[in-house]
Amino acid sequence: MYEATKRRHVSQTVEAVFPKAVTDQIFSVIKLMNEADQLVTAPVAIAFSDDYTDNELYALLIQGNLAPAQEFPLDYDGDKSAFLGHGYILIVKDNPKAIYIDFSKANDLSELKG
């Protein structure tokens, strides 16, 4: 599950909203947690806190009710308005050949389509 040798893929919709620096760090957190045997299910969800500093934001990795949610910081000093404050939830899927980040079906993406 979530082997480091798999390709990494981010959906076009997520790429349009989230900076590559943020999604790259999500992949790094997944890799680190997998190496520490802390991932117990796939897919996992990533939710974002609206609290942030100039150079750091906070995310929460959620594994349903199989493990406690874990907060982690992400270093990012750019504009955060495109992806924070919208309630976005990302899903990190473990596909056979790639680890894939996409928006959760729970998101209201209507503002992105206009």
N, C-alpha and C. Protein backbone atom coordinates (compact mmCIF):
# COMPACT_ATOMS: atom_id res chain seq x y z
N MET A 1 0.85 -1.18 0.00
CA MET A 1 0.00 0.00 0.00
C MET A 1 0.89 1.25 0.00
N TYR A 2 0.60 2.18 -0.87
CA TYR A 2 1.30 3.46 -0.99
C TYR A 2 2.83 3.29 -1.14
N GLU A 3 3.24 2.31 -1.96
CA GLU A 3 4.67 2.08 -2.15
C GLU A 3 5.33 3.30 -2.80
N ALA A 4 6.51 3.62 -2.32
CA ALA A 4 7.25 4.80 -2.80
C ALA A 4 7.66 4.66 -4.27
N THR A 5 7.66 3.45 -4.81
CA THR A 5 8.06 3.24 -6.19
C THR A 5 6.95 3.57 -7.19
N LYS A 6 5.74 3.76 -6.70
CA LYS A 6 4.62 4.09 -7.59
C LYS A 6 4.74 5.52 -8.11
N ARG A 7 4.20 5.74 -9.30
CA ARG A 7 4.16 7.09 -9.84
C ARG A 7 3.25 7.94 -8.98
N ARG A 8 3.44 9.24 -9.07
CA ARG A 8 2.60 10.21 -8.36
C ARG A 8 1.78 10.96 -9.40
N HIS A 9 0.51 11.10 -9.13
CA HIS A 9 -0.35 11.81 -10.08
C HIS A 9 -1.32 12.71 -9.30
N VAL A 10 -1.51 13.92 -9.82
CA VAL A 10 -2.44 14.88 -9.24
C VAL A 10 -3.47 15.21 -10.32
N SER A 11 -4.75 15.17 -9.97
CA SER A 11 -5.78 15.48 -10.96
C SER A 11 -5.61 16.91 -11.48
N GLN A 12 -6.07 17.16 -12.69
CA GLN A 12 -5.96 18.50 -13.29
C GLN A 12 -6.72 19.53 -12.46
N THR A 13 -7.85 19.14 -11.90
CA THR A 13 -8.64 20.07 -11.09
C THR A 13 -7.88 20.48 -9.84
N VAL A 14 -7.24 19.52 -9.18
CA VAL A 14 -6.45 19.83 -7.99
C VAL A 14 -5.24 20.68 -8.39
N GLU A 15 -4.58 20.33 -9.50
CA GLU A 15 -3.43 21.12 -9.96
C GLU A 15 -3.80 22.58 -10.22
N ALA A 16 -5.02 22.83 -10.64
CA ALA A 16 -5.46 24.19 -10.93
C ALA A 16 -5.67 25.02 -9.66
N VAL A 17 -5.83 24.36 -8.52
CA VAL A 17 -6.13 25.05 -7.27
C VAL A 17 -4.96 25.00 -6.29
N PHE A 18 -4.36 23.86 -6.15
CA PHE A 18 -3.30 23.66 -5.16
C PHE A 18 -1.92 23.78 -5.81
N PRO A 19 -1.03 24.56 -5.20
CA PRO A 19 0.33 24.67 -5.73
C PRO A 19 1.06 23.33 -5.66
N LYS A 20 1.95 23.10 -6.61
CA LYS A 20 2.74 21.87 -6.65
C LYS A 20 3.54 21.70 -5.37
N ALA A 21 4.01 22.79 -4.78
CA ALA A 21 4.77 22.70 -3.53
C ALA A 21 3.94 22.06 -2.42
N VAL A 22 2.63 22.29 -2.42
CA VAL A 22 1.75 21.71 -1.41
C VAL A 22 1.49 20.24 -1.71
N THR A 23 1.15 19.91 -2.95
CA THR A 23 0.86 18.50 -3.28
C THR A 23 2.12 17.64 -3.15
N ASP A 24 3.29 18.20 -3.48
CA ASP A 24 4.53 17.44 -3.30
C ASP A 24 4.75 17.09 -1.84
N GLN A 25 4.44 18.02 -0.95
CA GLN A 25 4.60 17.75 0.48
C GLN A 25 3.58 16.72 0.98
N ILE A 26 2.39 16.72 0.40
CA ILE A 26 1.41 15.70 0.76
C ILE A 26 1.95 14.32 0.39
N PHE A 27 2.52 14.20 -0.81
CA PHE A 27 3.13 12.92 -1.20
C PHE A 27 4.25 12.54 -0.23
N SER A 28 5.03 13.50 0.21
CA SER A 28 6.12 13.22 1.16
C SER A 28 5.59 12.73 2.50
N VAL A 29 4.51 13.33 2.97
CA VAL A 29 3.89 12.90 4.23
C VAL A 29 3.35 11.47 4.09
N ILE A 30 2.71 11.19 2.96
CA ILE A 30 2.20 9.82 2.73
C ILE A 30 3.36 8.82 2.74
N LYS A 31 4.44 9.17 2.08
CA LYS A 31 5.61 8.28 2.05
C LYS A 31 6.16 8.05 3.45
N LEU A 32 6.33 9.12 4.21
CA LEU A 32 6.87 9.02 5.56
C LEU A 32 5.96 8.18 6.46
N MET A 33 4.67 8.43 6.39
CA MET A 33 3.72 7.68 7.23
C MET A 33 3.67 6.21 6.82
N ASN A 34 3.79 5.94 5.53
CA ASN A 34 3.81 4.56 5.07
C ASN A 34 5.06 3.84 5.59
N GLU A 35 6.21 4.51 5.52
CA GLU A 35 7.45 3.91 6.01
C GLU A 35 7.38 3.63 7.52
N ALA A 36 6.61 4.43 8.25
CA ALA A 36 6.46 4.25 9.70
C ALA A 36 5.29 3.32 10.04
N ASP A 37 4.70 2.70 9.02
CA ASP A 37 3.54 1.80 9.20
C ASP A 37 2.38 2.47 9.91
N GLN A 38 2.15 3.75 9.59
CA GLN A 38 1.05 4.48 10.21
C GLN A 38 -0.17 4.58 9.30
N LEU A 39 -0.07 4.11 8.07
CA LEU A 39 -1.23 4.11 7.17
C LEU A 39 -1.89 2.75 7.26
N VAL A 40 -3.16 2.74 7.61
CA VAL A 40 -3.86 1.48 7.80
C VAL A 40 -4.97 1.27 6.78
N THR A 41 -5.23 2.26 5.95
CA THR A 41 -6.30 2.13 4.97
C THR A 41 -5.99 2.99 3.75
N ALA A 42 -6.61 2.65 2.68
CA ALA A 42 -6.55 3.47 1.47
C ALA A 42 -7.96 3.51 0.91
N PRO A 43 -8.42 4.64 0.46
CA PRO A 43 -7.75 5.93 0.40
C PRO A 43 -7.76 6.64 1.76
N VAL A 44 -7.01 7.73 1.82
CA VAL A 44 -7.02 8.60 2.99
C VAL A 44 -7.48 9.98 2.54
N ALA A 45 -8.01 10.74 3.48
CA ALA A 45 -8.48 12.10 3.19
C ALA A 45 -7.54 13.11 3.82
N ILE A 46 -7.42 14.26 3.16
CA ILE A 46 -6.62 15.37 3.68
C ILE A 46 -7.53 16.58 3.77
N ALA A 47 -7.68 17.11 4.99
CA ALA A 47 -8.46 18.33 5.21
C ALA A 47 -7.49 19.42 5.67
N PHE A 48 -7.86 20.67 5.42
CA PHE A 48 -6.96 21.78 5.70
C PHE A 48 -7.57 22.72 6.74
N SER A 49 -6.73 23.17 7.65
CA SER A 49 -7.13 24.14 8.66
C SER A 49 -7.12 25.53 8.02
N ASP A 50 -8.02 26.38 8.47
CA ASP A 50 -8.01 27.76 8.00
C ASP A 50 -7.00 28.59 8.77
N ASP A 51 -6.39 28.02 9.80
CA ASP A 51 -5.32 28.70 10.54
C ASP A 51 -4.01 28.46 9.79
N TYR A 52 -3.24 29.52 9.63
CA TYR A 52 -1.95 29.40 8.97
C TYR A 52 -1.08 30.58 9.36
N THR A 53 0.20 30.46 9.10
CA THR A 53 1.13 31.57 9.28
C THR A 53 1.59 31.99 7.89
N ASP A 54 2.47 32.97 7.83
CA ASP A 54 2.96 33.42 6.52
C ASP A 54 3.66 32.31 5.75
N ASN A 55 4.30 31.39 6.46
CA ASN A 55 5.07 30.37 5.75
C ASN A 55 4.70 28.94 6.12
N GLU A 56 3.56 28.74 6.78
CA GLU A 56 3.16 27.40 7.17
C GLU A 56 1.64 27.28 7.20
N LEU A 57 1.16 26.12 6.78
CA LEU A 57 -0.27 25.81 6.90
C LEU A 57 -0.38 24.42 7.50
N TYR A 58 -1.58 24.04 7.87
CA TYR A 58 -1.77 22.81 8.61
C TYR A 58 -2.82 21.95 7.93
N ALA A 59 -2.53 20.67 7.87
CA ALA A 59 -3.45 19.72 7.25
C ALA A 59 -3.68 18.57 8.22
N LEU A 60 -4.74 17.83 7.96
CA LEU A 60 -5.13 16.72 8.81
C LEU A 60 -5.31 15.50 7.91
N LEU A 61 -4.60 14.42 8.21
CA LEU A 61 -4.74 13.17 7.47
C LEU A 61 -5.77 12.32 8.20
N ILE A 62 -6.82 11.93 7.50
CA ILE A 62 -7.94 11.21 8.10
C ILE A 62 -8.03 9.82 7.47
N GLN A 63 -8.06 8.80 8.33
CA GLN A 63 -8.16 7.41 7.87
C GLN A 63 -9.47 6.79 8.35
N GLY A 64 -10.54 7.51 8.19
CA GLY A 64 -11.83 7.02 8.66
C GLY A 64 -11.78 6.81 10.16
N ASN A 65 -12.41 5.76 10.64
CA ASN A 65 -12.38 5.49 12.08
C ASN A 65 -11.37 4.39 12.42
N LEU A 66 -10.46 4.11 11.48
CA LEU A 66 -9.48 3.05 11.69
C LEU A 66 -8.23 3.52 12.44
N ALA A 67 -8.01 4.82 12.46
CA ALA A 67 -6.83 5.37 13.14
C ALA A 67 -7.13 6.82 13.50
N PRO A 68 -6.46 7.34 14.51
CA PRO A 68 -6.69 8.75 14.84
C PRO A 68 -6.21 9.65 13.71
N ALA A 69 -6.92 10.73 13.50
CA ALA A 69 -6.49 11.70 12.49
C ALA A 69 -5.19 12.33 12.97
N GLN A 70 -4.33 12.65 12.02
CA GLN A 70 -3.03 13.20 12.38
C GLN A 70 -2.82 14.54 11.69
N GLU A 71 -2.51 15.55 12.49
CA GLU A 71 -2.23 16.87 11.94
C GLU A 71 -0.76 16.94 11.55
N PHE A 72 -0.49 17.66 10.44
CA PHE A 72 0.89 17.87 10.03
C PHE A 72 1.02 19.25 9.39
N PRO A 73 2.18 19.88 9.56
CA PRO A 73 2.41 21.19 8.95
C PRO A 73 2.93 21.05 7.53
N LEU A 74 2.65 22.04 6.71
CA LEU A 74 3.19 22.12 5.36
C LEU A 74 3.84 23.49 5.21
N ASP A 75 5.04 23.52 4.70
CA ASP A 75 5.74 24.78 4.46
C ASP A 75 5.25 25.37 3.14
N TYR A 76 4.72 26.58 3.21
CA TYR A 76 4.30 27.27 1.98
C TYR A 76 4.16 28.75 2.29
N ASP A 77 4.91 29.58 1.57
CA ASP A 77 4.88 31.01 1.85
C ASP A 77 4.20 31.82 0.75
N GLY A 78 3.53 31.15 -0.18
CA GLY A 78 2.82 31.85 -1.24
C GLY A 78 1.38 32.17 -0.85
N ASP A 79 0.63 32.64 -1.83
CA ASP A 79 -0.78 32.98 -1.64
C ASP A 79 -1.58 31.70 -1.34
N LYS A 80 -2.34 31.73 -0.28
CA LYS A 80 -3.10 30.55 0.14
C LYS A 80 -4.60 30.69 -0.14
N SER A 81 -5.02 31.84 -0.66
CA SER A 81 -6.45 32.12 -0.81
C SER A 81 -7.14 31.20 -1.81
N ALA A 82 -6.42 30.64 -2.77
CA ALA A 82 -7.05 29.77 -3.77
C ALA A 82 -7.48 28.43 -3.19
N PHE A 83 -6.80 27.99 -2.11
CA PHE A 83 -7.12 26.65 -1.60
C PHE A 83 -7.49 26.60 -0.12
N LEU A 84 -7.20 27.64 0.65
CA LEU A 84 -7.64 27.65 2.05
C LEU A 84 -8.92 28.47 2.18
N GLY A 85 -9.74 28.11 3.15
CA GLY A 85 -10.98 28.84 3.39
C GLY A 85 -12.14 28.38 2.52
N HIS A 86 -11.95 27.31 1.75
CA HIS A 86 -13.00 26.79 0.88
C HIS A 86 -13.56 25.46 1.39
N GLY A 87 -12.95 24.91 2.42
CA GLY A 87 -13.39 23.62 2.96
C GLY A 87 -13.01 22.45 2.08
N TYR A 88 -12.00 22.60 1.24
CA TYR A 88 -11.61 21.52 0.34
C TYR A 88 -11.07 20.32 1.11
N ILE A 89 -11.43 19.16 0.63
CA ILE A 89 -10.91 17.90 1.14
C ILE A 89 -10.31 17.15 -0.05
N LEU A 90 -9.08 16.71 0.11
CA LEU A 90 -8.43 15.92 -0.92
C LEU A 90 -8.46 14.45 -0.53
N ILE A 91 -8.50 13.60 -1.54
CA ILE A 91 -8.43 12.16 -1.33
C ILE A 91 -7.14 11.67 -1.96
N VAL A 92 -6.38 10.90 -1.20
CA VAL A 92 -5.15 10.29 -1.72
C VAL A 92 -5.45 8.81 -1.92
N LYS A 93 -5.53 8.43 -3.21
CA LYS A 93 -5.88 7.06 -3.57
C LYS A 93 -4.63 6.25 -3.85
N ASP A 94 -4.68 4.98 -3.51
CA ASP A 94 -3.59 4.06 -3.78
C ASP A 94 -4.02 3.16 -4.94
N ASN A 95 -3.77 3.63 -6.16
CA ASN A 95 -4.11 2.85 -7.34
C ASN A 95 -3.01 1.84 -7.61
N PRO A 96 -3.27 0.83 -8.46
CA PRO A 96 -2.25 -0.21 -8.68
C PRO A 96 -0.88 0.31 -9.15
N LYS A 97 -0.86 1.34 -9.99
CA LYS A 97 0.41 1.82 -10.53
C LYS A 97 0.77 3.24 -10.11
N ALA A 98 -0.13 3.92 -9.41
CA ALA A 98 0.13 5.31 -9.05
C ALA A 98 -0.60 5.68 -7.76
N ILE A 99 -0.01 6.64 -7.07
CA ILE A 99 -0.67 7.28 -5.93
C ILE A 99 -1.29 8.55 -6.50
N TYR A 100 -2.58 8.74 -6.27
CA TYR A 100 -3.36 9.75 -6.98
C TYR A 100 -4.04 10.69 -6.00
N ILE A 101 -3.87 11.99 -6.21
CA ILE A 101 -4.56 12.99 -5.39
C ILE A 101 -5.67 13.62 -6.21
N ASP A 102 -6.87 13.63 -5.64
CA ASP A 102 -8.03 14.24 -6.30
C ASP A 102 -8.91 14.88 -5.23
N PHE A 103 -9.86 15.68 -5.68
CA PHE A 103 -10.83 16.24 -4.75
C PHE A 103 -11.79 15.16 -4.28
N SER A 104 -12.23 15.27 -3.04
CA SER A 104 -13.26 14.40 -2.51
C SER A 104 -14.58 14.73 -3.21
N LYS A 105 -15.42 13.73 -3.34
CA LYS A 105 -16.75 13.96 -3.91
C LYS A 105 -17.60 14.82 -2.99
N ALA A 106 -17.19 15.00 -1.74
CA ALA A 106 -17.92 15.82 -0.79
C ALA A 106 -17.74 17.32 -1.05
N ASN A 107 -16.76 17.70 -1.87
CA ASN A 107 -16.50 19.11 -2.14
C ASN A 107 -17.54 19.71 -3.08
N ASP A 108 -17.86 20.95 -2.84
CA ASP A 108 -18.67 21.74 -3.78
C ASP A 108 -17.68 22.44 -4.71
N LEU A 109 -17.54 21.94 -5.91
CA LEU A 109 -16.56 22.49 -6.86
C LEU A 109 -17.22 23.43 -7.87
N SER A 110 -18.46 23.87 -7.59
CA SER A 110 -19.17 24.72 -8.54
C SER A 110 -18.43 26.03 -8.81
N GLU A 111 -17.74 26.56 -7.81
CA GLU A 111 -17.01 27.82 -8.01
C GLU A 111 -15.79 27.64 -8.93
N LEU A 112 -15.31 26.42 -9.09
CA LEU A 112 -14.18 26.15 -9.96
C LEU A 112 -14.59 26.01 -11.42
N LYS A 113 -15.86 25.75 -11.66
CA LYS A 113 -16.34 25.50 -13.02
C LYS A 113 -16.80 26.75 -13.72
N GLY A 114 -16.85 27.86 -13.02
CA GLY A 114 -17.39 29.08 -13.60
C GLY A 114 -16.34 29.99 -14.07
